[in-house]
PDB file of N, CA and C in Angstrom:
ATOM      1  N   MET A   1     -51.660 -13.720 -23.401  1.00  0.00           N
ATOM      2  CA  MET A   1     -52.801 -14.006 -24.248  1.00  0.00           C
ATOM      3  C   MET A   1     -52.481 -15.201 -25.119  1.00  0.00           C
ATOM      4  N   LEU A   2     -53.304 -16.201 -25.080  1.00  0.00           N
ATOM      5  CA  LEU A   2     -53.037 -17.417 -25.833  1.00  0.00           C
ATOM      6  C   LEU A   2     -53.215 -17.234 -27.329  1.00  0.00           C
ATOM      7  N   GLY A   3     -54.258 -16.581 -27.745  1.00  0.00           N
ATOM      8  CA  GLY A   3     -54.496 -16.447 -29.176  1.00  0.00           C
ATOM      9  C   GLY A   3     -54.958 -17.762 -29.781  1.00  0.00           C
ATOM     10  N   LYS A   4     -54.750 -17.876 -31.074  1.00  0.00           N
ATOM     11  CA  LYS A   4     -55.182 -19.061 -31.803  1.00  0.00           C
ATOM     12  C   LYS A   4     -54.188 -20.201 -31.585  1.00  0.00           C
ATOM     13  N   LEU A   5     -54.705 -21.391 -31.357  1.00  0.00           N
ATOM     14  CA  LEU A   5     -53.871 -22.580 -31.166  1.00  0.00           C
ATOM     15  C   LEU A   5     -54.252 -23.640 -32.187  1.00  0.00           C
ATOM     16  N   ASN A   6     -53.251 -24.301 -32.736  1.00  0.00           N
ATOM     17  CA  ASN A   6     -53.472 -25.473 -33.578  1.00  0.00           C
ATOM     18  C   ASN A   6     -52.997 -26.688 -32.802  1.00  0.00           C
ATOM     19  N   PHE A   7     -53.782 -27.753 -32.830  1.00  0.00           N
ATOM     20  CA  PHE A   7     -53.452 -28.971 -32.107  1.00  0.00           C
ATOM     21  C   PHE A   7     -53.012 -30.047 -33.094  1.00  0.00           C
ATOM     22  N   TYR A   8     -51.921 -30.735 -32.747  1.00  0.00           N
ATOM     23  CA  TYR A   8     -51.386 -31.825 -33.548  1.00  0.00           C
ATOM     24  C   TYR A   8     -51.096 -33.002 -32.622  1.00  0.00           C
ATOM     25  N   SER A   9     -51.404 -34.206 -33.086  1.00  0.00           N
ATOM     26  CA  SER A   9     -50.939 -35.383 -32.358  1.00  0.00           C
ATOM     27  C   SER A   9     -49.442 -35.507 -32.627  1.00  0.00           C
ATOM     28  N   VAL A  10     -48.748 -36.313 -31.843  1.00  0.00           N
ATOM     29  CA  VAL A  10     -47.317 -36.522 -32.052  1.00  0.00           C
ATOM     30  C   VAL A  10     -47.074 -37.026 -33.472  1.00  0.00           C
ATOM     31  N   ALA A  11     -47.883 -37.966 -33.919  1.00  0.00           N
ATOM     32  CA  ALA A  11     -47.717 -38.518 -35.270  1.00  0.00           C
ATOM     33  C   ALA A  11     -47.916 -37.442 -36.330  1.00  0.00           C
ATOM     34  N   GLU A  12     -48.953 -36.609 -36.177  1.00  0.00           N
ATOM     35  CA  GLU A  12     -49.191 -35.522 -37.134  1.00  0.00           C
ATOM     36  C   GLU A  12     -48.040 -34.531 -37.128  1.00  0.00           C
ATOM     37  N   ALA A  13     -47.550 -34.196 -35.939  1.00  0.00           N
ATOM     38  CA  ALA A  13     -46.445 -33.243 -35.827  1.00  0.00           C
ATOM     39  C   ALA A  13     -45.202 -33.766 -36.538  1.00  0.00           C
ATOM     40  N   LYS A  14     -44.943 -35.060 -36.425  1.00  0.00           N
ATOM     41  CA  LYS A  14     -43.779 -35.648 -37.078  1.00  0.00           C
ATOM     42  C   LYS A  14     -43.912 -35.587 -38.600  1.00  0.00           C
ATOM     43  N   THR A  15     -45.077 -35.912 -39.114  1.00  0.00           N
ATOM     44  CA  THR A  15     -45.251 -35.949 -40.567  1.00  0.00           C
ATOM     45  C   THR A  15     -45.476 -34.568 -41.168  1.00  0.00           C
ATOM     46  N   GLU A  16     -45.985 -33.628 -40.386  1.00  0.00           N
ATOM     47  CA  GLU A  16     -46.312 -32.293 -40.900  1.00  0.00           C
ATOM     48  C   GLU A  16     -45.476 -31.200 -40.249  1.00  0.00           C
ATOM     49  N   LEU A  17     -44.233 -31.511 -39.882  1.00  0.00           N
ATOM     50  CA  LEU A  17     -43.400 -30.540 -39.171  1.00  0.00           C
ATOM     51  C   LEU A  17     -43.180 -29.256 -39.975  1.00  0.00           C
ATOM     52  N   SER A  18     -42.926 -29.358 -41.253  1.00  0.00           N
ATOM     53  CA  SER A  18     -42.722 -28.155 -42.074  1.00  0.00           C
ATOM     54  C   SER A  18     -43.973 -27.283 -42.084  1.00  0.00           C
ATOM     55  N   LYS A  19     -45.133 -27.909 -42.230  1.00  0.00           N
ATOM     56  CA  LYS A  19     -46.405 -27.177 -42.210  1.00  0.00           C
ATOM     57  C   LYS A  19     -46.619 -26.522 -40.846  1.00  0.00           C
ATOM     58  N   LEU A  20     -46.359 -27.277 -39.783  1.00  0.00           N
ATOM     59  CA  LEU A  20     -46.513 -26.765 -38.420  1.00  0.00           C
ATOM     60  C   LEU A  20     -45.644 -25.518 -38.231  1.00  0.00           C
ATOM     61  N   ILE A  21     -44.394 -25.586 -38.646  1.00  0.00           N
ATOM     62  CA  ILE A  21     -43.478 -24.448 -38.488  1.00  0.00           C
ATOM     63  C   ILE A  21     -43.924 -23.255 -39.324  1.00  0.00           C
ATOM     64  N   SER A  22     -44.384 -23.493 -40.533  1.00  0.00           N
ATOM     65  CA  SER A  22     -44.812 -22.376 -41.384  1.00  0.00           C
ATOM     66  C   SER A  22     -46.060 -21.688 -40.840  1.00  0.00           C
ATOM     67  N   GLN A  23     -46.875 -22.400 -40.083  1.00  0.00           N
ATOM     68  CA  GLN A  23     -48.101 -21.813 -39.530  1.00  0.00           C
ATOM     69  C   GLN A  23     -47.861 -21.058 -38.224  1.00  0.00           C
ATOM     70  N   LEU A  24     -46.634 -21.075 -37.697  1.00  0.00           N
ATOM     71  CA  LEU A  24     -46.364 -20.422 -36.420  1.00  0.00           C
ATOM     72  C   LEU A  24     -46.504 -18.909 -36.493  1.00  0.00           C
ATOM     73  N   SER A  25     -46.418 -18.332 -37.682  1.00  0.00           N
ATOM     74  CA  SER A  25     -46.596 -16.877 -37.786  1.00  0.00           C
ATOM     75  C   SER A  25     -48.043 -16.483 -37.504  1.00  0.00           C
ATOM     76  N   ASP A  26     -48.981 -17.408 -37.730  1.00  0.00           N
ATOM     77  CA  ASP A  26     -50.399 -17.132 -37.497  1.00  0.00           C
ATOM     78  C   ASP A  26     -50.905 -17.639 -36.155  1.00  0.00           C
ATOM     79  N   SER A  27     -50.290 -18.726 -35.656  1.00  0.00           N
ATOM     80  CA  SER A  27     -50.798 -19.332 -34.420  1.00  0.00           C
ATOM     81  C   SER A  27     -49.723 -20.212 -33.795  1.00  0.00           C
ATOM     82  N   ASP A  28     -49.879 -20.452 -32.516  1.00  0.00           N
ATOM     83  CA  ASP A  28     -49.006 -21.382 -31.804  1.00  0.00           C
ATOM     84  C   ASP A  28     -49.547 -22.798 -32.003  1.00  0.00           C
ATOM     85  N   ALA A  29     -48.720 -23.779 -31.682  1.00  0.00           N
ATOM     86  CA  ALA A  29     -49.138 -25.170 -31.844  1.00  0.00           C
ATOM     87  C   ALA A  29     -49.009 -25.906 -30.516  1.00  0.00           C
ATOM     88  N   VAL A  30     -49.916 -26.833 -30.305  1.00  0.00           N
ATOM     89  CA  VAL A  30     -49.893 -27.708 -29.140  1.00  0.00           C
ATOM     90  C   VAL A  30     -49.795 -29.136 -29.675  1.00  0.00           C
ATOM     91  N   ILE A  31     -48.837 -29.885 -29.144  1.00  0.00           N
ATOM     92  CA  ILE A  31     -48.668 -31.278 -29.545  1.00  0.00           C
ATOM     93  C   ILE A  31     -49.242 -32.152 -28.437  1.00  0.00           C
ATOM     94  N   THR A  32     -50.081 -33.090 -28.845  1.00  0.00           N
ATOM     95  CA  THR A  32     -50.758 -33.952 -27.875  1.00  0.00           C
ATOM     96  C   THR A  32     -50.284 -35.393 -28.015  1.00  0.00           C
ATOM     97  N   LYS A  33     -50.333 -36.100 -26.896  1.00  0.00           N
ATOM     98  CA  LYS A  33     -50.054 -37.534 -26.885  1.00  0.00           C
ATOM     99  C   LYS A  33     -51.246 -38.196 -26.212  1.00  0.00           C
ATOM    100  N   ASN A  34     -51.905 -39.053 -26.931  1.00  0.00           N
ATOM    101  CA  ASN A  34     -53.145 -39.689 -26.449  1.00  0.00           C
ATOM    102  C   ASN A  34     -54.174 -38.639 -26.049  1.00  0.00           C
ATOM    103  N   GLY A  35     -54.221 -37.544 -26.801  1.00  0.00           N
ATOM    104  CA  GLY A  35     -55.202 -36.491 -26.562  1.00  0.00           C
ATOM    105  C   GLY A  35     -54.861 -35.525 -25.443  1.00  0.00           C
ATOM    106  N   ILE A  36     -53.711 -35.693 -24.809  1.00  0.00           N
ATOM    107  CA  ILE A  36     -53.306 -34.841 -23.690  1.00  0.00           C
ATOM    108  C   ILE A  36     -52.165 -33.925 -24.149  1.00  0.00           C
ATOM    109  N   PRO A  37     -52.296 -32.602 -23.963  1.00  0.00           N
ATOM    110  CA  PRO A  37     -51.210 -31.695 -24.363  1.00  0.00           C
ATOM    111  C   PRO A  37     -49.907 -32.020 -23.634  1.00  0.00           C
ATOM    112  N   VAL A  38     -48.821 -32.185 -24.399  1.00  0.00           N
ATOM    113  CA  VAL A  38     -47.523 -32.500 -23.812  1.00  0.00           C
ATOM    114  C   VAL A  38     -46.434 -31.510 -24.205  1.00  0.00           C
ATOM    115  N   ALA A  39     -46.666 -30.721 -25.251  1.00  0.00           N
ATOM    116  CA  ALA A  39     -45.648 -29.776 -25.701  1.00  0.00           C
ATOM    117  C   ALA A  39     -46.311 -28.631 -26.456  1.00  0.00           C
ATOM    118  N   SER A  40     -45.608 -27.515 -26.478  1.00  0.00           N
ATOM    119  CA  SER A  40     -46.082 -26.386 -27.275  1.00  0.00           C
ATOM    120  C   SER A  40     -44.949 -25.908 -28.170  1.00  0.00           C
ATOM    121  N   VAL A  41     -45.323 -25.355 -29.300  1.00  0.00           N
ATOM    122  CA  VAL A  41     -44.355 -24.830 -30.255  1.00  0.00           C
ATOM    123  C   VAL A  41     -44.804 -23.418 -30.599  1.00  0.00           C
ATOM    124  N   MET A  42     -43.846 -22.488 -30.536  1.00  0.00           N
ATOM    125  CA  MET A  42     -44.149 -21.095 -30.864  1.00  0.00           C
ATOM    126  C   MET A  42     -42.971 -20.490 -31.591  1.00  0.00           C
ATOM    127  N   LYS A  43     -43.199 -19.334 -32.220  1.00  0.00           N
ATOM    128  CA  LYS A  43     -42.107 -18.641 -32.883  1.00  0.00           C
ATOM    129  C   LYS A  43     -41.036 -18.303 -31.850  1.00  0.00           C
ATOM    130  N   TYR A  44     -39.784 -18.369 -32.264  1.00  0.00           N
ATOM    131  CA  TYR A  44     -38.679 -18.153 -31.339  1.00  0.00           C
ATOM    132  C   TYR A  44     -38.710 -16.741 -30.755  1.00  0.00           C
ATOM    133  N   ASP A  45     -39.024 -15.732 -31.554  1.00  0.00           N
ATOM    134  CA  ASP A  45     -39.048 -14.366 -31.015  1.00  0.00           C
ATOM    135  C   ASP A  45     -40.129 -14.197 -29.956  1.00  0.00           C
ATOM    136  N   ARG A  46     -41.242 -14.885 -30.121  1.00  0.00           N
ATOM    137  CA  ARG A  46     -42.299 -14.852 -29.089  1.00  0.00           C
ATOM    138  C   ARG A  46     -41.792 -15.513 -27.804  1.00  0.00           C
ATOM    139  N   TYR A  47     -41.087 -16.632 -27.959  1.00  0.00           N
ATOM    140  CA  TYR A  47     -40.511 -17.329 -26.806  1.00  0.00           C
ATOM    141  C   TYR A  47     -39.541 -16.422 -26.053  1.00  0.00           C
ATOM    142  N   VAL A  48     -38.659 -15.733 -26.786  1.00  0.00           N
ATOM    143  CA  VAL A  48     -37.680 -14.840 -26.160  1.00  0.00           C
ATOM    144  C   VAL A  48     -38.387 -13.721 -25.402  1.00  0.00           C
ATOM    145  N   LYS A  49     -39.414 -13.140 -25.998  1.00  0.00           N
ATOM    146  CA  LYS A  49     -40.166 -12.073 -25.333  1.00  0.00           C
ATOM    147  C   LYS A  49     -40.834 -12.591 -24.055  1.00  0.00           C
ATOM    148  N   MET A  50     -41.372 -13.809 -24.111  1.00  0.00           N
ATOM    149  CA  MET A  50     -42.045 -14.380 -22.946  1.00  0.00           C
ATOM    150  C   MET A  50     -41.049 -14.639 -21.817  1.00  0.00           C
ATOM    151  N   VAL A  51     -39.890 -15.194 -22.133  1.00  0.00           N
ATOM    152  CA  VAL A  51     -38.872 -15.457 -21.114  1.00  0.00           C
ATOM    153  C   VAL A  51     -38.363 -14.146 -20.529  1.00  0.00           C
ATOM    154  N   ASP A  52     -38.154 -13.145 -21.370  1.00  0.00           N
ATOM    155  CA  ASP A  52     -37.713 -11.840 -20.886  1.00  0.00           C
ATOM    156  C   ASP A  52     -38.745 -11.249 -19.929  1.00  0.00           C
ATOM    157  N   PHE A  53     -40.020 -11.354 -20.279  1.00  0.00           N
ATOM    158  CA  PHE A  53     -41.086 -10.857 -19.408  1.00  0.00           C
ATOM    159  C   PHE A  53     -41.082 -11.583 -18.064  1.00  0.00           C
ATOM    160  N   LEU A  54     -40.948 -12.908 -18.100  1.00  0.00           N
ATOM    161  CA  LEU A  54     -40.937 -13.682 -16.852  1.00  0.00           C
ATOM    162  C   LEU A  54     -39.750 -13.316 -15.969  1.00  0.00           C
ATOM    163  N   GLU A  55     -38.611 -13.059 -16.577  1.00  0.00           N
ATOM    164  CA  GLU A  55     -37.441 -12.648 -15.801  1.00  0.00           C
ATOM    165  C   GLU A  55     -37.675 -11.286 -15.150  1.00  0.00           C
ATOM    166  N   LYS A  56     -38.326 -10.371 -15.868  1.00  0.00           N
ATOM    167  CA  LYS A  56     -38.641  -9.059 -15.295  1.00  0.00           C
ATOM    168  C   LYS A  56     -39.633  -9.183 -14.145  1.00  0.00           C
ATOM    169  N   VAL A  57     -40.632 -10.039 -14.315  1.00  0.00           N
ATOM    170  CA  VAL A  57     -41.611 -10.261 -13.244  1.00  0.00           C
ATOM    171  C   VAL A  57     -40.913 -10.836 -12.023  1.00  0.00           C
ATOM    172  N   LYS A  58     -40.009 -11.783 -12.236  1.00  0.00           N
ATOM    173  CA  LYS A  58     -39.264 -12.376 -11.128  1.00  0.00           C
ATOM    174  C   LYS A  58     -38.438 -11.308 -10.408  1.00  0.00           C
ATOM    175  N   ASP A  59     -37.766 -10.434 -11.168  1.00  0.00           N
ATOM    176  CA  ASP A  59     -36.974  -9.366 -10.558  1.00  0.00           C
ATOM    177  C   ASP A  59     -37.848  -8.437  -9.714  1.00  0.00           C
ATOM    178  N   ILE A  60     -39.010  -8.079 -10.236  1.00  0.00           N
ATOM    179  CA  ILE A  60     -39.930  -7.210  -9.489  1.00  0.00           C
ATOM    180  C   ILE A  60     -40.400  -7.910  -8.223  1.00  0.00           C
ATOM    181  N   TYR A  61     -40.707  -9.193  -8.349  1.00  0.00           N
ATOM    182  CA  TYR A  61     -41.138  -9.981  -7.190  1.00  0.00           C
ATOM    183  C   TYR A  61     -40.051  -9.991  -6.115  1.00  0.00           C
ATOM    184  N   LEU A  62     -38.816 -10.250  -6.534  1.00  0.00           N
ATOM    185  CA  LEU A  62     -37.716 -10.313  -5.573  1.00  0.00           C
ATOM    186  C   LEU A  62     -37.460  -8.956  -4.923  1.00  0.00           C
ATOM    187  N   LEU A  63     -37.631  -7.884  -5.673  1.00  0.00           N
ATOM    188  CA  LEU A  63     -37.482  -6.554  -5.088  1.00  0.00           C
ATOM    189  C   LEU A  63     -38.589  -6.261  -4.088  1.00  0.00           C
ATOM    190  N   ASP A  64     -39.762  -6.774  -4.372  1.00  0.00           N
ATOM    191  CA  ASP A  64     -40.917  -6.492  -3.528  1.00  0.00           C
ATOM    192  C   ASP A  64     -40.859  -7.251  -2.199  1.00  0.00           C
ATOM    193  N   ILE A  65     -40.683  -8.584  -2.227  1.00  0.00           N
ATOM    194  CA  ILE A  65     -40.708  -9.331  -0.972  1.00  0.00           C
ATOM    195  C   ILE A  65     -39.416 -10.087  -0.684  1.00  0.00           C
ATOM    196  N   GLY A  66     -38.518 -10.118  -1.627  1.00  0.00           N
ATOM    197  CA  GLY A  66     -37.250 -10.794  -1.411  1.00  0.00           C
ATOM    198  C   GLY A  66     -37.362 -12.287  -1.595  1.00  0.00           C
ATOM    199  N   SER A  67     -36.222 -12.940  -1.642  1.00  0.00           N
ATOM    200  CA  SER A  67     -36.223 -14.384  -1.868  1.00  0.00           C
ATOM    201  C   SER A  67     -36.036 -15.166  -0.577  1.00  0.00           C
ATOM    202  N   SER A  68     -35.984 -14.485   0.564  1.00  0.00           N
ATOM    203  CA  SER A  68     -35.821 -15.200   1.834  1.00  0.00           C
ATOM    204  C   SER A  68     -37.181 -15.448   2.470  1.00  0.00           C
ATOM    205  N   GLY A  69     -37.181 -16.212   3.503  1.00  0.00           N
ATOM    206  CA  GLY A  69     -38.419 -16.459   4.240  1.00  0.00           C
ATOM    207  C   GLY A  69     -39.170 -17.651   3.698  1.00  0.00           C
ATOM    208  N   ILE A  70     -40.189 -17.410   2.866  1.00  0.00           N
ATOM    209  CA  ILE A  70     -41.064 -18.486   2.409  1.00  0.00           C
ATOM    210  C   ILE A  70     -40.508 -19.249   1.217  1.00  0.00           C
ATOM    211  N   GLY A  71     -39.284 -19.017   0.848  1.00  0.00           N
ATOM    212  CA  GLY A  71     -38.735 -19.668  -0.332  1.00  0.00           C
ATOM    213  C   GLY A  71     -38.967 -18.806  -1.555  1.00  0.00           C
ATOM    214  N   ASN A  72     -38.806 -19.371  -2.692  1.00  0.00           N
ATOM    215  CA  ASN A  72     -38.967 -18.624  -3.920  1.00  0.00           C
ATOM    216  C   ASN A  72     -39.977 -19.330  -4.824  1.00  0.00           C
ATOM    217  N   PRO A  73     -41.272 -19.006  -4.688  1.00  0.00           N
ATOM    218  CA  PRO A  73     -42.295 -19.700  -5.468  1.00  0.00           C
ATOM    219  C   PRO A  73     -42.159 -19.486  -6.968  1.00  0.00           C
ATOM    220  N   ILE A  74     -41.545 -18.392  -7.404  1.00  0.00           N
ATOM    221  CA  ILE A  74     -41.352 -18.178  -8.833  1.00  0.00           C
ATOM    222  C   ILE A  74     -40.470 -19.282  -9.414  1.00  0.00           C
ATOM    223  N   GLU A  75     -39.398 -19.636  -8.715  1.00  0.00           N
ATOM    224  CA  GLU A  75     -38.525 -20.720  -9.180  1.00  0.00           C
ATOM    225  C   GLU A  75     -39.295 -22.036  -9.240  1.00  0.00           C
ATOM    226  N   ASN A  76     -40.163 -22.285  -8.281  1.00  0.00           N
ATOM    227  CA  ASN A  76     -40.951 -23.513  -8.264  1.00  0.00           C
ATOM    228  C   ASN A  76     -41.896 -23.582  -9.458  1.00  0.00           C
ATOM    229  N   ILE A  77     -42.456 -22.452  -9.860  1.00  0.00           N
ATOM    230  CA  ILE A  77     -43.363 -22.414 -11.002  1.00  0.00           C
ATOM    231  C   ILE A  77     -42.597 -22.705 -12.286  1.00  0.00           C
ATOM    232  N   LEU A  78     -41.393 -22.184 -12.408  1.00  0.00           N
ATOM    233  CA  LEU A  78     -40.633 -22.316 -13.641  1.00  0.00           C
ATOM    234  C   LEU A  78     -39.889 -23.646 -13.776  1.00  0.00           C
ATOM    235  N   GLU A  79     -39.771 -24.404 -12.694  1.00  0.00           N
ATOM    236  CA  GLU A  79     -39.071 -25.678 -12.731  1.00  0.00           C
ATOM    237  C   GLU A  79     -39.908 -26.722 -13.477  1.00  0.00           C
ATOM    238  N   ASP A  80     -39.217 -27.650 -14.139  1.00  0.00           N
ATOM    239  CA  ASP A  80     -39.888 -28.809 -14.726  1.00  0.00           C
ATOM    240  C   ASP A  80     -40.246 -29.774 -13.616  1.00  0.00           C
ATOM    241  N   ASN A  81     -41.353 -30.446 -13.788  1.00  0.00           N
ATOM    242  CA  ASN A  81     -41.779 -31.440 -12.779  1.00  0.00           C
ATOM    243  C   ASN A  81     -41.114 -32.749 -13.004  1.00  0.00           C
TER     244      ASN A  81
END
């Protein structure tokens, strides 16, 4: 669930970093460059929970169909482009 998002340009994020961090308890932040989202900022505990969930989903996926055959699409989703 995405919830509430605050959007900041790169310049705003640089000048208002303390404000951005203090608002993370209420909402996540998206940093944009030329109006295009390029980064997200969230509370660290939320990040840890999300990564833990993704690892559990990956484990269930691997138990269900295995990592052989068609490759491992979960790894492809999690890789940086």
